[in-house]
Structures are given as C-alpha cells and as structure tokens.
C-alpha cells in the first residue's frame, strides 16, 4: 500500500543522508589535507636544515653535516627517515646512496612533495632544489607512511563514528517530526473509528491543520449526504410502517370474523388460521419497523423524556405476555417493584415488549421467564431472565446488530434487540448481557436516576 509516512521518510531521509555523507567526505578531506601539509612541511624543514651545512670550495659543494647532526635529523619514534644531498652532476654529497633519483625542479627553493618507494616500502618524499654559492644542489628527505597512515585511520574512524551518530540522530529526528506531523491524521482516524455506526455528525473543522481542512470539509460533505439519505430512508420506513398498520389490523379483524363463521369447516378454518398467523407476523414486523424508525438515536428528542413508573408500564402488558407464554407452557413470573426512570413511554413499551418477547421465543417449552423492575442504588433496573440456550460471549455484541439472528429456526426478523439498543441509547441507559444462574440469559437495562426538577407525568 502507498504510505504517506514512508514517502515522506524516503524523500527526507535519503537526500539528507546523501548530504550528510558528502559532508563527511569534505570533513575528512579538510582534516587530512592540513595534516598531510604539516607532515610535508616537517620534511621540508629537515631539508632546509641541511642547507647551512653545505658550502662551496673551489667551485665544488662540500657537506659539513656531522654524523651527530644527521642522526638528529633522522630521529623519529614511528617512521624511518631517509636523507640525500646530491650535486648538480648527481654526486652524492651526504645521506643515503640508494635514495631514489630526485626529479628536476621547475623553480628553485620550492619544496615538492610526492609519493615514492624506498627499500621496498612506500614513502613520502620532499624534493628541494637550491643553490650553495654558485652551485645547485638537490636535497631529498623521505619518510615512511606509518605515522601518516595511523593519523589517517584515526581521522577516518573518528569521523565515521561522528557521522554514524549524526545519521542516527537525523533519522530519529525526521521520524519523530514526520510522526508528529501526521498526528492530526491519526487523531482523525481514531475519532472516526470510535464513532458508532449511526453517528453521522460532522467533524470539527476548527482545530485541524490548514492542509487537512479540505479533507475534513469533503468528509463532512459526504457525512451530510449519508445522513440525509439515512433520514429519508427512516422517514420512508416510518411512513410505510404507519400506512400498513391500519389495513393489516382491518385484515386481521376480517380473518377473525371469517374464522368464527367457518369454525364448523375444518379445512377452511385451518386455512384461515394460517392466514391469521401470517398476518400477525406481518403486523409484528410492521410494528418493529415503526419502533425502529421511532427509536433512531439521531432523531430522538430529549424533550420527550419524563418521569415514568417503569413497573406500571410492564403491568399494562402482563396479560398479553401471559397469553404468549401459555402457548409454549412457559412459566412467566413478574417481580415488579416501584421503579421510576426518565423515559419516553412509547419507546419504553417497545423496549419492554421486545425483551420479554425475545425471552419467550428463545425459551424452550415448559421453560421459565422472569421479569424484574428494581429501584437500584444507581437508578432503575429492568431485567428479563430466560431459560433459553444462552448466548456465547463472541455473539453478545453481534446480537444488537440489525437483522442478526442466533437461530434461524426461531421466528423473527432480527430487529428486536437492535431496537432495544437504540432505545437504551436514547435514554442514556446501558444494557448488559449475562448468563443465567443455571442456563439461559439475563438482559438488564440500567437507567440513570431521574433528573431533579423534571415535571412528573406518572403512568397510571
């Protein structure tokens, strides 16, 4: 994948490393050349030191260099020093007879350094051509390269360590700078990842860098389009569900009347019962769609919340739940204590209906379902415990996804728990899923305490 971070690092680190290495080469050159010049000057000084020991007699140059003085010129603890003084005709006046031939100089009194060989070992030679009286003499001083090679190695090693440290610091600094520069992108990614799937609110454009402004604007434009599309879809869903409720209710009434009229004809009665069952499923699905549209968190208005006695909402539907439980011989119990919460009565009825209906559907025949309302220390609690097969830990988050179903053999459309989740969010509550004492599952919705000073509209 194409990475902005990698591209930035490549375009910054590679050129800077090249500049760093070029600088290292220049530093090496600037350190070694003066040292080389200093060594050459030392050899030239040794050559100039022999000039006063030369004199002209009878048209010939003679050397007055004593053995002690020559030994002083040759003293060096690291390298071997070689000397030579020759006349213009090549006669050896002093020094080493095997000293390499000295080149003809272009100018007098200008020392010339160059590389050579002496006794099978590379040496650095400084050649000097000068005059003694009216005679020209050639002076050569040579030195082995041990000291020079040692100094060169020290310079190279020191600069190598320095450049390596500078390269590491350079890479670390660039890496830190690039990472720091990309933090706004990382923060934007984290903010988007932490959002729920239905949070389509716009990103904050005030605290983003100038370069990210167009990106945030484009994302906000896309979120606005998606939000508008989702709202239109929810309006359509609510309108369709609302329009279907009346004809379906009339159709069910007509089927009930036909069933009474044809009770004496088994085949006709059986067919009408099947149609009535299908109609009931259609009515339930229509109600679910309407509840889903009504509970959409992005459309919920906090002004609809009021103080409600949750236990009384449950009591209003006890008869319906008992009838549904009897169809499967399920023992349903109600442990209802006075419990006050802040809520929307229509949405809370949907929440209660979906949780209890879900427990009845998934509990086996002759099972048990227990419904509780409790005024806890932190607020109101509504819980439903069933004796069904239980829910695996890996599926406890998935069950609140729309159209997700654990068992396809059990009738349903996979919207009930999604509706419960949305209603829970609307009320600032939270829902927990826990295994029962022996089997089954306990769904608990924990509501916060009612806000003091809120008008009370108790459900009777």
Protein backbone atom coordinates (compact mmCIF):
# COMPACT_ATOMS: atom_id res chain seq x y z
CA UNK A 1 0.00 0.00 0.00
CA UNK A 2 1.15 3.54 -0.76
CA UNK A 3 2.11 5.16 2.55
CA UNK A 4 2.40 8.92 3.15
CA UNK A 5 4.71 8.23 6.11
CA UNK A 6 7.08 6.07 4.06
CA UNK A 7 7.09 8.54 1.16
CA UNK A 8 7.87 11.43 3.49
CA UNK A 9 10.63 9.48 5.22
CA UNK A 10 12.18 8.46 1.90
CA UNK A 11 12.09 11.98 0.46
CA UNK A 12 13.54 13.46 3.65
CA UNK A 13 15.97 10.83 4.93
CA UNK A 14 17.63 9.72 1.67
CA UNK A 15 18.60 13.23 0.41
CA UNK A 16 19.73 14.30 3.90
CA UNK A 17 21.83 11.14 4.29
CA UNK A 18 23.45 11.82 0.92
CA UNK A 19 24.21 15.40 2.02
CA UNK A 20 25.50 14.03 5.32
CA UNK A 21 27.86 11.58 3.58
CA UNK A 22 29.11 14.29 1.21
CA UNK A 23 29.72 16.48 4.25
CA UNK A 24 31.57 13.60 5.89
CA UNK A 25 33.83 13.31 2.83
CA UNK A 26 34.53 17.03 2.90
CA UNK A 27 35.22 16.88 6.65
CA UNK A 28 37.66 14.03 6.08
CA UNK A 29 39.37 15.97 3.32
CA UNK A 30 39.55 19.14 5.44
CA UNK A 31 41.02 17.15 8.35
CA UNK A 32 43.51 15.08 6.37
CA UNK A 33 44.88 17.65 3.91
CA UNK A 34 46.18 20.06 6.63
CA UNK A 35 47.72 17.10 8.45
CA UNK A 36 49.40 15.98 5.22
CA UNK A 37 50.69 19.53 4.61
CA UNK A 38 52.05 19.65 8.17
CA UNK A 39 53.90 16.38 7.69
CA UNK A 40 55.31 17.57 4.35
CA UNK A 41 56.39 20.86 5.92
CA UNK A 42 58.24 18.91 8.60
CA UNK A 43 60.13 17.03 5.89
CA UNK A 44 60.84 20.30 4.06
CA UNK A 45 62.18 21.82 7.31
CA UNK A 46 64.54 18.85 7.64
CA UNK A 47 65.75 19.53 4.09
CA UNK A 48 66.22 23.23 4.79
CA UNK A 49 68.12 22.30 7.98
CA UNK A 50 70.84 20.66 5.83
CA UNK A 51 71.43 23.73 3.64
CA UNK A 52 73.52 25.62 6.26
CA UNK A 53 75.78 22.54 6.48
CA UNK A 54 76.75 22.89 2.81
CA UNK A 55 79.44 25.19 1.45
CA UNK A 56 81.22 25.88 -1.83
CA UNK A 57 85.01 25.41 -2.05
CA UNK A 58 86.95 25.76 -5.22
CA UNK A 59 83.82 25.52 -7.35
CA UNK A 60 82.66 22.37 -5.56
CA UNK A 61 79.99 21.89 -2.94
CA UNK A 62 81.05 20.08 0.21
CA UNK A 63 78.92 18.78 3.06
CA UNK A 64 79.74 19.84 6.62
CA UNK A 65 76.90 17.66 8.02
CA UNK A 66 78.26 15.76 11.00
CA UNK A 67 77.16 12.26 11.91
CA UNK A 68 75.53 13.54 15.12
CA UNK A 69 73.57 16.21 13.23
CA UNK A 70 72.46 13.64 10.64
CA UNK A 71 71.23 11.32 13.43
CA UNK A 72 69.22 14.19 14.91
CA UNK A 73 67.53 14.73 11.56
CA UNK A 74 66.72 11.04 11.34
CA UNK A 75 65.17 10.76 14.82
CA UNK A 76 61.53 9.52 14.67
CA UNK A 77 59.83 7.05 17.00
CA UNK A 78 57.40 5.76 14.33
CA UNK A 79 58.88 6.16 10.87
CA UNK A 80 62.23 5.69 9.15
CA UNK A 81 63.75 8.93 7.82
CA UNK A 82 65.98 8.93 4.73
CA UNK A 83 68.16 11.80 3.58
CA UNK A 84 70.16 12.64 0.47
CA UNK A 85 72.17 15.61 -0.84
CA UNK A 86 73.41 15.50 -4.41
CA UNK A 87 75.34 17.93 -6.52
CA UNK A 88 74.19 19.20 -9.86
CA UNK A 89 76.08 16.42 -11.63
CA UNK A 90 74.49 13.75 -9.39
CA UNK A 91 77.42 13.27 -7.00
CA UNK A 92 76.39 12.07 -3.53
CA UNK A 93 77.35 14.72 -1.02
CA UNK A 94 75.59 13.30 2.08
CA UNK A 95 72.89 10.84 3.13
CA UNK A 96 71.71 7.55 1.67
CA UNK A 97 73.31 6.43 -1.56
CA UNK A 98 70.25 4.33 -2.53
CA UNK A 99 67.87 7.28 -2.26
CA UNK A 100 65.66 7.40 -5.38
CA UNK A 101 66.62 9.87 -8.09
CA UNK A 102 65.20 13.33 -7.48
CA UNK A 103 63.17 14.98 -10.25
CA UNK A 104 64.27 18.21 -11.90
CA UNK A 105 62.50 21.11 -10.19
CA UNK A 106 60.76 23.85 -12.15
CA UNK A 107 61.70 26.51 -9.63
CA UNK A 108 64.42 26.90 -7.01
CA UNK A 109 63.66 26.83 -3.33
CA UNK A 110 60.20 25.33 -3.86
CA UNK A 111 59.83 22.04 -1.93
CA UNK A 112 57.91 19.44 -3.94
CA UNK A 113 56.18 16.53 -2.12
CA UNK A 114 55.35 13.27 -3.87
CA UNK A 115 54.94 9.52 -3.24
CA UNK A 116 57.75 7.03 -3.83
CA UNK A 117 59.43 3.79 -2.77
CA UNK A 118 62.47 3.35 -0.52
CA UNK A 119 63.92 -0.06 0.25
CA UNK A 120 60.68 -1.78 -0.73
CA UNK A 121 58.45 0.40 1.44
CA UNK A 122 56.20 3.26 0.33
CA UNK A 123 57.48 6.66 1.46
CA UNK A 124 56.58 10.31 1.23
CA UNK A 125 59.38 12.36 -0.37
CA UNK A 126 60.00 16.08 -0.35
CA UNK A 127 62.48 17.24 -3.01
CA UNK A 128 64.23 20.61 -2.77
CA UNK A 129 66.48 22.28 -5.34
CA UNK A 130 68.55 25.23 -4.07
CA UNK A 131 71.93 26.92 -4.63
CA UNK A 132 75.05 26.90 -2.49
CA UNK A 133 77.25 29.67 -3.68
CA UNK A 134 77.02 29.42 -7.44
CA UNK A 135 76.33 25.69 -7.44
CA UNK A 136 72.94 23.98 -7.49
CA UNK A 137 72.29 21.11 -5.10
CA UNK A 138 69.42 18.62 -4.83
CA UNK A 139 68.16 17.71 -1.38
CA UNK A 140 65.68 14.91 -0.69
CA UNK A 141 64.02 13.87 2.55
CA UNK A 142 61.82 10.73 2.70
CA UNK A 143 59.65 9.33 5.45
CA UNK A 144 57.75 6.04 5.68
CA UNK A 145 53.97 6.29 5.96
CA UNK A 146 53.32 4.55 9.27
CA UNK A 147 52.58 7.71 11.24
CA UNK A 148 50.58 9.20 8.41
CA UNK A 149 48.50 6.03 7.97
CA UNK A 150 47.85 5.93 11.71
CA UNK A 151 46.70 9.55 11.78
CA UNK A 152 44.58 8.98 8.69
CA UNK A 153 42.95 5.91 10.32
CA UNK A 154 42.24 7.89 13.50
CA UNK A 155 40.65 10.71 11.49
CA UNK A 156 38.61 8.27 9.40
CA UNK A 157 37.46 6.26 12.44
CA UNK A 158 36.51 9.36 14.44
CA UNK A 159 34.61 10.90 11.53
CA UNK A 160 32.89 7.57 10.80
CA UNK A 161 31.59 7.35 14.39
CA UNK A 162 30.57 11.00 14.33
CA UNK A 163 28.75 10.66 11.01
CA UNK A 164 27.04 7.43 12.13
CA UNK A 165 25.77 9.17 15.27
CA UNK A 166 24.65 12.16 13.21
CA UNK A 167 22.88 9.84 10.75
CA UNK A 168 21.06 8.05 13.58
CA UNK A 169 20.08 11.35 15.19
CA UNK A 170 18.99 12.66 11.80
CA UNK A 171 16.81 9.63 11.09
CA UNK A 172 15.32 9.71 14.61
CA UNK A 173 14.59 13.44 14.34
CA UNK A 174 12.95 13.09 10.93
CA UNK A 175 10.95 10.06 12.10
CA UNK A 176 9.75 11.97 15.16
CA UNK A 177 8.95 15.07 13.08
CA UNK A 178 7.00 13.07 10.48
CA UNK A 179 5.12 11.15 13.18
CA UNK A 180 4.33 14.40 14.96
CA UNK A 181 3.19 15.96 11.71
CA UNK A 182 0.89 13.01 10.97
CA UNK A 183 -0.75 13.09 14.42
CA UNK A 184 -3.76 15.11 13.17
CA UNK A 185 -4.44 12.35 10.62
CA UNK A 186 -4.04 9.73 13.34
CA UNK A 187 -6.42 11.66 15.60
CA UNK A 188 -8.97 11.97 12.79
CA UNK A 189 -8.71 8.22 12.16
CA UNK A 190 -9.14 7.47 15.89
CA UNK A 191 -12.16 9.78 16.16
CA UNK A 192 -13.81 8.10 13.18
CA UNK A 193 -13.02 4.59 14.50
CA UNK A 194 -14.54 5.41 17.91
CA UNK A 195 -17.81 6.53 16.38
CA UNK A 196 -20.80 4.26 16.38
CA UNK A 197 -22.15 3.16 13.02
CA UNK A 198 -25.05 5.59 13.25
CA UNK A 199 -23.06 8.68 14.28
CA UNK A 200 -23.06 10.85 11.16
CA UNK A 201 -22.34 14.18 12.85
CA UNK A 202 -19.83 16.49 11.16
CA UNK A 203 -16.14 16.52 12.11
CA UNK A 204 -14.81 19.57 13.92
CA UNK A 205 -13.21 21.86 11.31
CA UNK A 206 -11.90 24.45 13.80
CA UNK A 207 -8.97 22.53 15.28
CA UNK A 208 -7.50 20.84 12.22
CA UNK A 209 -4.32 21.92 10.37
CA UNK A 210 -4.72 24.03 7.25
CA UNK A 211 -3.70 21.14 4.99
CA UNK A 212 -6.41 18.87 6.41
CA UNK A 213 -9.15 21.48 6.07
CA UNK A 214 -10.22 20.40 2.54
CA UNK A 215 -10.19 16.73 3.60
CA UNK A 216 -12.40 17.41 6.64
CA UNK A 217 -14.72 19.53 4.51
CA UNK A 218 -15.03 16.72 1.95
CA UNK A 219 -15.68 14.12 4.69
CA UNK A 220 -18.31 16.37 6.30
CA UNK A 221 -19.97 16.80 2.93
CA UNK A 222 -20.08 13.03 2.47
CA UNK A 223 -21.39 12.52 6.04
CA UNK A 224 -24.11 15.10 5.40
CA UNK A 225 -25.18 13.29 2.22
CA UNK A 226 -25.23 9.94 4.03
CA UNK A 227 -27.16 11.46 6.95
CA UNK A 228 -29.74 12.97 4.62
CA UNK A 229 -30.10 9.65 2.83
CA UNK A 230 -30.47 7.81 6.14
CA UNK A 231 -33.09 10.28 7.34
CA UNK A 232 -35.06 9.93 4.12
CA UNK A 233 -34.85 6.17 4.48
CA UNK A 234 -36.08 6.36 8.08
CA UNK A 235 -38.95 8.67 7.10
CA UNK A 236 -39.90 6.29 4.32
CA UNK A 237 -39.70 3.34 6.70
CA UNK A 238 -41.86 5.07 9.28
CA UNK A 239 -44.42 6.18 6.70
CA UNK A 240 -44.68 2.73 5.15
CA UNK A 241 -44.99 1.06 8.54
CA UNK A 242 -47.62 3.57 9.65
CA UNK A 243 -49.64 3.17 6.43
CA UNK A 244 -49.55 -0.63 6.73
CA UNK A 245 -50.79 -0.81 10.31
CA UNK A 246 -54.43 0.18 9.61
CA UNK A 247 -55.13 -2.16 6.66
CA UNK A 248 -53.36 -5.03 8.41
CA UNK A 249 -55.41 -4.51 11.57
CA UNK A 250 -58.60 -4.49 9.46
CA UNK A 251 -57.45 -7.61 7.63
CA UNK A 252 -56.86 -9.39 10.96
CA UNK A 253 -60.35 -8.40 12.14
CA UNK A 254 -61.89 -9.80 8.96
CA UNK A 255 -59.93 -13.06 9.37
CA UNK A 256 -61.14 -13.41 12.95
CA UNK A 257 -64.73 -12.91 11.73
CA UNK A 258 -64.24 -15.49 8.94
CA UNK A 259 -62.79 -17.95 11.44
CA UNK A 260 -65.90 -17.65 13.60
CA UNK A 261 -68.19 -18.08 10.61
CA UNK A 262 -66.33 -21.17 9.32
CA UNK A 263 -65.49 -22.86 12.60
CA UNK A 264 -67.57 -25.87 11.51
CA UNK A 265 -65.45 -26.45 8.37
CA UNK A 266 -62.06 -27.84 9.48
CA UNK A 267 -60.16 -27.27 6.23
CA UNK A 268 -61.40 -23.72 5.77
CA UNK A 269 -60.78 -22.93 9.45
CA UNK A 270 -57.23 -24.30 9.18
CA UNK A 271 -56.53 -22.17 6.13
CA UNK A 272 -57.90 -19.07 7.85
CA UNK A 273 -55.71 -19.79 10.92
CA UNK A 274 -52.63 -19.93 8.69
CA UNK A 275 -53.58 -16.61 7.10
CA UNK A 276 -54.20 -15.12 10.55
CA UNK A 277 -50.77 -16.34 11.72
CA UNK A 278 -49.10 -14.77 8.68
CA UNK A 279 -51.00 -11.55 9.29
CA UNK A 280 -49.84 -11.50 12.91
CA UNK A 281 -46.23 -11.83 11.73
CA UNK A 282 -46.74 -9.01 9.23
CA UNK A 283 -48.28 -6.82 11.93
CA UNK A 284 -45.38 -7.54 14.28
CA UNK A 285 -42.81 -6.78 11.60
CA UNK A 286 -44.64 -3.56 10.75
CA UNK A 287 -44.65 -2.57 14.42
CA UNK A 288 -40.94 -3.42 14.62
CA UNK A 289 -40.17 -1.22 11.64
CA UNK A 290 -42.17 1.61 13.14
CA UNK A 291 -40.43 1.17 16.50
CA UNK A 292 -37.04 1.09 14.75
CA UNK A 293 -37.77 4.38 12.99
CA UNK A 294 -39.13 5.90 16.20
CA UNK A 295 -36.07 4.85 18.26
CA UNK A 296 -33.44 6.09 15.79
CA UNK A 297 -30.89 7.93 18.06
CA UNK A 298 -30.23 10.67 15.50
CA UNK A 299 -33.96 11.59 15.50
CA UNK A 300 -34.64 11.29 19.23
CA UNK A 301 -35.59 14.47 21.07
CA UNK A 302 -34.59 14.68 24.74
CA UNK A 303 -37.63 16.86 25.44
CA UNK A 304 -39.80 13.74 25.17
CA UNK A 305 -38.33 12.31 28.38
CA UNK A 306 -40.48 12.41 31.53
CA UNK A 307 -40.52 10.66 34.89
CA UNK A 308 -42.26 7.30 34.49
CA UNK A 309 -43.00 4.39 36.80
CA UNK A 310 -41.49 1.55 34.83
CA UNK A 311 -43.26 -1.16 36.81
CA UNK A 312 -46.66 0.21 35.73
CA UNK A 313 -45.66 0.09 32.05
CA UNK A 314 -44.89 -3.61 32.49
CA UNK A 315 -48.18 -4.20 34.33
CA UNK A 316 -50.17 -2.82 31.37
CA UNK A 317 -49.00 -5.69 29.15
CA UNK A 318 -48.89 -8.57 31.64
CA UNK A 319 -51.99 -10.23 30.21
CA UNK A 320 -50.54 -10.21 26.69
CA UNK A 321 -47.23 -11.71 27.87
CA UNK A 322 -49.00 -14.40 29.91
CA UNK A 323 -51.07 -15.43 26.86
CA UNK A 324 -47.94 -15.66 24.69
CA UNK A 325 -46.10 -17.68 27.36
CA UNK A 326 -49.04 -20.10 27.74
CA UNK A 327 -48.73 -21.06 24.09
CA UNK A 328 -45.40 -22.75 24.94
CA UNK A 329 -46.33 -23.71 28.53
CA UNK A 330 -43.71 -21.27 29.81
CA UNK A 331 -43.89 -20.23 33.44
CA UNK A 332 -43.59 -16.44 33.33
CA UNK A 333 -43.17 -14.51 36.58
CA UNK A 334 -43.19 -10.80 37.38
CA UNK A 335 -41.22 -9.31 40.26
CA UNK A 336 -42.21 -5.65 39.93
CA UNK A 337 -41.09 -3.04 42.44
CA UNK A 338 -41.79 0.66 42.19
CA UNK A 339 -39.18 1.95 39.79
CA UNK A 340 -39.01 5.49 38.49
CA UNK A 341 -36.95 6.40 35.44
CA UNK A 342 -36.67 9.21 32.90
CA UNK A 343 -38.17 7.92 29.69
CA UNK A 344 -40.42 8.10 26.67
CA UNK A 345 -43.44 5.86 27.41
CA UNK A 346 -43.91 4.80 23.78
CA UNK A 347 -40.26 3.77 23.37
CA UNK A 348 -40.11 2.07 26.77
CA UNK A 349 -43.16 -0.04 25.85
CA UNK A 350 -41.28 -1.12 22.71
CA UNK A 351 -38.20 -1.97 24.82
CA UNK A 352 -40.25 -4.00 27.33
CA UNK A 353 -42.19 -5.78 24.60
CA UNK A 354 -39.06 -6.74 22.62
CA UNK A 355 -37.06 -8.04 25.59
CA UNK A 356 -39.91 -10.13 27.03
CA UNK A 357 -40.98 -11.38 23.59
CA UNK A 358 -37.39 -12.34 22.84
CA UNK A 359 -37.15 -14.30 26.12
CA UNK A 360 -40.39 -16.19 25.36
CA UNK A 361 -39.28 -17.01 21.81
CA UNK A 362 -35.90 -18.46 22.83
CA UNK A 363 -37.04 -20.30 25.97
CA UNK A 364 -37.97 -23.96 25.34
CA UNK A 365 -41.40 -25.39 26.13
CA UNK A 366 -42.03 -25.69 29.89
CA UNK A 367 -39.24 -23.17 30.47
CA UNK A 368 -39.29 -20.12 32.71
CA UNK A 369 -39.12 -16.35 32.16
CA UNK A 370 -38.74 -13.84 34.99
CA UNK A 371 -39.30 -10.08 34.61
CA UNK A 372 -37.96 -7.66 37.25
CA UNK A 373 -38.15 -3.93 37.88
CA UNK A 374 -35.95 -2.69 40.72
CA UNK A 375 -35.01 0.74 42.06
CA UNK A 376 -31.27 0.25 42.42
CA UNK A 377 -28.61 2.38 44.09
CA UNK A 378 -27.59 3.96 40.77
CA UNK A 379 -31.05 4.20 39.16
CA UNK A 380 -33.81 2.00 37.82
CA UNK A 381 -33.20 -1.55 36.58
CA UNK A 382 -35.34 -3.55 34.19
CA UNK A 383 -34.23 -7.15 33.67
CA UNK A 384 -35.56 -10.22 31.89
CA UNK A 385 -34.21 -13.69 32.66
CA UNK A 386 -34.97 -16.66 30.39
CA UNK A 387 -34.15 -20.37 30.36
CA UNK A 388 -33.05 -20.47 26.72
CA UNK A 389 -29.80 -21.86 25.24
CA UNK A 390 -27.73 -18.85 26.32
CA UNK A 391 -25.57 -16.54 24.22
CA UNK A 392 -21.88 -17.13 23.54
CA UNK A 393 -19.52 -14.34 24.59
CA UNK A 394 -18.41 -13.90 20.97
CA UNK A 395 -22.02 -13.11 19.94
CA UNK A 396 -23.02 -10.77 22.77
CA UNK A 397 -22.15 -7.68 20.71
CA UNK A 398 -23.46 -9.07 17.42
CA UNK A 399 -26.97 -9.72 18.72
CA UNK A 400 -27.64 -5.97 18.82
CA UNK A 401 -26.88 -5.64 15.10
CA UNK A 402 -29.87 -5.24 12.85
CA UNK A 403 -31.11 -8.45 11.21
CA UNK A 404 -28.60 -10.60 13.13
CA UNK A 405 -30.16 -13.82 14.42
CA UNK A 406 -28.64 -16.57 16.57
CA UNK A 407 -31.06 -19.29 15.49
CA UNK A 408 -32.74 -19.12 12.07
CA UNK A 409 -35.20 -21.84 13.15
CA UNK A 410 -36.92 -19.45 15.56
CA UNK A 411 -39.38 -16.98 14.03
CA UNK A 412 -38.28 -13.36 14.00
CA UNK A 413 -36.71 -10.66 11.84
CA UNK A 414 -33.57 -9.82 13.85
CA UNK A 415 -34.70 -6.28 14.71
CA UNK A 416 -35.87 -6.66 18.32
CA UNK A 417 -32.52 -6.27 20.09
CA UNK A 418 -31.40 -3.57 17.64
CA UNK A 419 -34.49 -1.60 18.68
CA UNK A 420 -33.67 -2.24 22.35
CA UNK A 421 -30.13 -0.94 21.83
CA UNK A 422 -31.34 2.28 20.17
CA UNK A 423 -33.94 2.91 22.86
CA UNK A 424 -31.30 2.32 25.54
CA UNK A 425 -29.05 4.94 23.91
CA UNK A 426 -31.95 7.37 23.68
CA UNK A 427 -32.44 7.16 27.45
CA UNK A 428 -28.75 7.42 28.40
CA UNK A 429 -29.02 3.91 29.85
CA UNK A 430 -26.84 0.85 29.28
CA UNK A 431 -27.70 -2.77 28.64
CA UNK A 432 -25.83 -5.82 29.92
CA UNK A 433 -25.98 -9.45 28.86
CA UNK A 434 -25.10 -12.11 31.44
CA UNK A 435 -25.55 -15.88 31.67
CA UNK A 436 -28.29 -17.12 33.98
CA UNK A 437 -27.57 -18.98 37.25
CA UNK A 438 -28.00 -22.40 35.62
CA UNK A 439 -28.82 -21.70 31.98
CA UNK A 440 -30.31 -19.05 29.75
CA UNK A 441 -29.55 -15.35 29.66
CA UNK A 442 -30.26 -12.25 31.74
CA UNK A 443 -30.79 -8.97 29.87
CA UNK A 444 -30.58 -5.93 32.18
CA UNK A 445 -31.20 -2.30 31.29
CA UNK A 446 -29.77 0.16 33.82
CA UNK A 447 -31.42 3.59 33.76
CA UNK A 448 -29.93 6.68 35.44
CA UNK A 449 -31.81 8.43 38.26
CA UNK A 450 -34.50 10.89 37.13
CA UNK A 451 -33.23 14.49 36.93
CA UNK A 452 -34.47 16.59 39.87
CA UNK A 453 -36.88 19.31 38.88
CA UNK A 454 -38.23 17.41 35.84
CA UNK A 455 -42.03 17.53 35.52
CA UNK A 456 -43.54 14.23 36.60
CA UNK A 457 -46.12 12.51 34.41
CA UNK A 458 -46.72 9.21 36.10
CA UNK A 459 -48.31 6.43 34.02
CA UNK A 460 -51.41 5.03 35.71
